[in-house]
Amino acid sequence: TLEELNLSYNGITTVPALPSSLVSLSLSRTSILVLGPTHFTGLHALRFLYMDGNCYYKNPCQQAVEVAPGALLGLGNLTHLSLKYNNLTQVPRRLPPSLDTLLLSYNQ
């Protein structure tokens, strides 16, 4: 029944298995550099995803965080996505149509 999970400021390098009941997830300031289509499978209730600061001057990674096209498309209820401070060079493609807030400040 867990609805909110904050895994920020950990050294994790990939998205772990997560409970399907999550509504809010924070993966900020970790070492996750790639988001693929299977990372969020089954998270149909997720509305808020924060993934800030995984690659920037205080958490250097020498590359950009990679968001595969359509990696977040399965999150049909996602309304708020924050990808600030990730060295992104382009807006991720094929985002969920439910999205109403997209934060991309402090990227390339």
C-alpha atoms as a PDB file:
ATOM      1  CA  THR A   1       0.000   0.000   0.000  1.00  0.00           C
ATOM      2  CA  LEU A   2       3.085   2.264  -0.138  1.00  0.00           C
ATOM      3  CA  GLU A   3       2.209   5.470  -2.018  1.00  0.00           C
ATOM      4  CA  GLU A   4       5.310   7.654  -1.618  1.00  0.00           C
ATOM      5  CA  LEU A   5       8.944   6.554  -1.871  1.00  0.00           C
ATOM      6  CA  ASN A   6      12.052   8.720  -1.736  1.00  0.00           C
ATOM      7  CA  LEU A   7      15.277   7.000  -2.832  1.00  0.00           C
ATOM      8  CA  SER A   8      17.207  10.243  -3.295  1.00  0.00           C
ATOM      9  CA  TYR A   9      20.873  10.660  -2.347  1.00  0.00           C
ATOM     10  CA  ASN A  10      21.682   6.976  -2.784  1.00  0.00           C
ATOM     11  CA  GLY A  11      24.360   5.420  -4.952  1.00  0.00           C
ATOM     12  CA  ILE A  12      21.861   3.259  -6.831  1.00  0.00           C
ATOM     13  CA  THR A  13      22.599   2.893 -10.553  1.00  0.00           C
ATOM     14  CA  THR A  14      19.293   1.459 -11.758  1.00  0.00           C
ATOM     15  CA  VAL A  15      15.622   1.693 -10.887  1.00  0.00           C
ATOM     16  CA  PRO A  16      14.857  -1.104  -8.392  1.00  0.00           C
ATOM     17  CA  ALA A  17      11.692  -3.226  -8.348  1.00  0.00           C
ATOM     18  CA  LEU A  18       8.953  -0.971  -6.999  1.00  0.00           C
ATOM     19  CA  PRO A  19       5.476  -1.512  -5.525  1.00  0.00           C
ATOM     20  CA  SER A  20       2.627  -0.901  -7.965  1.00  0.00           C
ATOM     21  CA  SER A  21       0.798   1.264  -5.400  1.00  0.00           C
ATOM     22  CA  LEU A  22       3.301   4.158  -5.699  1.00  0.00           C
ATOM     23  CA  VAL A  23       1.836   7.592  -6.455  1.00  0.00           C
ATOM     24  CA  SER A  24       5.028   9.613  -5.891  1.00  0.00           C
ATOM     25  CA  LEU A  25       8.620   8.512  -6.532  1.00  0.00           C
ATOM     26  CA  SER A  26      11.852  10.444  -6.051  1.00  0.00           C
ATOM     27  CA  LEU A  27      15.056   9.176  -7.655  1.00  0.00           C
ATOM     28  CA  SER A  28      16.981  12.434  -7.340  1.00  0.00           C
ATOM     29  CA  ARG A  29      20.734  12.689  -6.849  1.00  0.00           C
ATOM     30  CA  THR A  30      21.412   9.026  -7.454  1.00  0.00           C
ATOM     31  CA  SER A  31      23.658   7.439 -10.076  1.00  0.00           C
ATOM     32  CA  ILE A  32      20.842   6.381 -12.404  1.00  0.00           C
ATOM     33  CA  LEU A  33      21.945   7.460 -15.884  1.00  0.00           C
ATOM     34  CA  VAL A  34      19.599   5.446 -18.119  1.00  0.00           C
ATOM     35  CA  LEU A  35      15.811   5.129 -18.129  1.00  0.00           C
ATOM     36  CA  GLY A  36      14.443   2.409 -20.356  1.00  0.00           C
ATOM     37  CA  PRO A  37      10.944   1.129 -21.149  1.00  0.00           C
ATOM     38  CA  THR A  38      11.043  -1.637 -18.504  1.00  0.00           C
ATOM     39  CA  HIS A  39      12.163   0.485 -15.532  1.00  0.00           C
ATOM     40  CA  PHE A  40       8.664   1.603 -14.566  1.00  0.00           C
ATOM     41  CA  THR A  41       6.602  -1.414 -15.603  1.00  0.00           C
ATOM     42  CA  GLY A  42       3.493  -1.848 -13.469  1.00  0.00           C
ATOM     43  CA  LEU A  43       3.522   1.629 -11.902  1.00  0.00           C
ATOM     44  CA  HIS A  44       0.094   2.573 -13.220  1.00  0.00           C
ATOM     45  CA  ALA A  45      -0.784   4.735 -10.176  1.00  0.00           C
ATOM     46  CA  LEU A  46       2.371   6.881 -10.403  1.00  0.00           C
ATOM     47  CA  ARG A  47       1.518  10.583 -10.744  1.00  0.00           C
ATOM     48  CA  PHE A  48       4.733  12.309  -9.593  1.00  0.00           C
ATOM     49  CA  LEU A  49       8.260  11.380 -10.681  1.00  0.00           C
ATOM     50  CA  TYR A  50      11.262  13.397  -9.529  1.00  0.00           C
ATOM     51  CA  MET A  51      14.586  12.497 -11.082  1.00  0.00           C
ATOM     52  CA  ASP A  52      16.715  15.585 -10.566  1.00  0.00           C
ATOM     53  CA  GLY A  53      20.456  16.009 -10.206  1.00  0.00           C
ATOM     54  CA  ASN A  54      21.704  12.664 -11.439  1.00  0.00           C
ATOM     55  CA  CYS A  55      24.358  14.262 -13.619  1.00  0.00           C
ATOM     56  CA  TYR A  56      25.534  17.809 -12.889  1.00  0.00           C
ATOM     57  CA  TYR A  57      28.448  19.674 -11.348  1.00  0.00           C
ATOM     58  CA  LYS A  58      27.816  18.353  -7.813  1.00  0.00           C
ATOM     59  CA  ASN A  59      27.182  14.811  -9.064  1.00  0.00           C
ATOM     60  CA  PRO A  60      29.417  14.571 -12.162  1.00  0.00           C
ATOM     61  CA  CYS A  61      28.969  11.694 -14.587  1.00  0.00           C
ATOM     62  CA  GLN A  62      30.685  13.009 -17.761  1.00  0.00           C
ATOM     63  CA  GLN A  63      27.574  12.318 -19.881  1.00  0.00           C
ATOM     64  CA  ALA A  64      23.883  13.085 -20.091  1.00  0.00           C
ATOM     65  CA  VAL A  65      21.154  11.058 -18.445  1.00  0.00           C
ATOM     66  CA  GLU A  66      19.559   8.994 -21.202  1.00  0.00           C
ATOM     67  CA  VAL A  67      15.773   8.729 -21.381  1.00  0.00           C
ATOM     68  CA  ALA A  68      14.892   6.238 -24.110  1.00  0.00           C
ATOM     69  CA  PRO A  69      12.001   7.315 -26.385  1.00  0.00           C
ATOM     70  CA  GLY A  70       8.789   6.015 -24.836  1.00  0.00           C
ATOM     71  CA  ALA A  71      10.490   4.965 -21.581  1.00  0.00           C
ATOM     72  CA  LEU A  72       7.812   6.793 -19.582  1.00  0.00           C
ATOM     73  CA  LEU A  73       4.891   6.208 -21.936  1.00  0.00           C
ATOM     74  CA  GLY A  74       3.499   3.360 -19.805  1.00  0.00           C
ATOM     75  CA  LEU A  75       2.953   5.754 -16.904  1.00  0.00           C
ATOM     76  CA  GLY A  76      -0.596   6.628 -17.954  1.00  0.00           C
ATOM     77  CA  ASN A  77      -1.405   8.685 -14.844  1.00  0.00           C
ATOM     78  CA  LEU A  78       1.863  10.648 -14.662  1.00  0.00           C
ATOM     79  CA  THR A  79       1.082  14.351 -14.335  1.00  0.00           C
ATOM     80  CA  HIS A  80       4.339  15.773 -12.923  1.00  0.00           C
ATOM     81  CA  LEU A  81       7.816  14.941 -14.242  1.00  0.00           C
ATOM     82  CA  SER A  82      10.973  16.675 -13.051  1.00  0.00           C
ATOM     83  CA  LEU A  83      14.261  16.009 -14.884  1.00  0.00           C
ATOM     84  CA  LYS A  84      16.250  19.047 -13.742  1.00  0.00           C
ATOM     85  CA  TYR A  85      20.076  18.988 -13.474  1.00  0.00           C
ATOM     86  CA  ASN A  86      20.648  15.923 -15.662  1.00  0.00           C
ATOM     87  CA  ASN A  87      22.807  17.269 -18.489  1.00  0.00           C
ATOM     88  CA  LEU A  88      20.004  16.451 -20.944  1.00  0.00           C
ATOM     89  CA  THR A  89      20.602  17.689 -24.491  1.00  0.00           C
ATOM     90  CA  GLN A  90      17.063  17.184 -25.769  1.00  0.00           C
ATOM     91  CA  VAL A  91      13.517  16.894 -24.473  1.00  0.00           C
ATOM     92  CA  PRO A  92      12.652  13.206 -23.952  1.00  0.00           C
ATOM     93  CA  ARG A  93      10.430  11.887 -26.736  1.00  0.00           C
ATOM     94  CA  ARG A  94       7.108  10.079 -26.462  1.00  0.00           C
ATOM     95  CA  LEU A  95       6.079  11.270 -23.017  1.00  0.00           C
ATOM     96  CA  PRO A  96       2.735  10.245 -21.462  1.00  0.00           C
ATOM     97  CA  PRO A  97      -0.232  12.320 -22.711  1.00  0.00           C
ATOM     98  CA  SER A  98      -1.405  12.718 -19.083  1.00  0.00           C
ATOM     99  CA  LEU A  99       1.625  14.912 -18.300  1.00  0.00           C
ATOM    100  CA  ASP A 100       0.751  18.500 -17.344  1.00  0.00           C
ATOM    101  CA  THR A 101       4.040  19.592 -15.690  1.00  0.00           C
ATOM    102  CA  LEU A 102       7.502  19.010 -17.151  1.00  0.00           C
ATOM    103  CA  LEU A 103      10.528  20.549 -15.434  1.00  0.00           C
ATOM    104  CA  LEU A 104      13.763  20.619 -17.451  1.00  0.00           C
ATOM    105  CA  SER A 105      15.752  23.517 -16.013  1.00  0.00           C
ATOM    106  CA  TYR A 106      19.534  23.382 -15.650  1.00  0.00           C
ATOM    107  CA  ASN A 107      20.165  20.975 -18.523  1.00  0.00           C
ATOM    108  CA  GLN A 108      22.101  21.384 -21.767  1.00  0.00           C
END
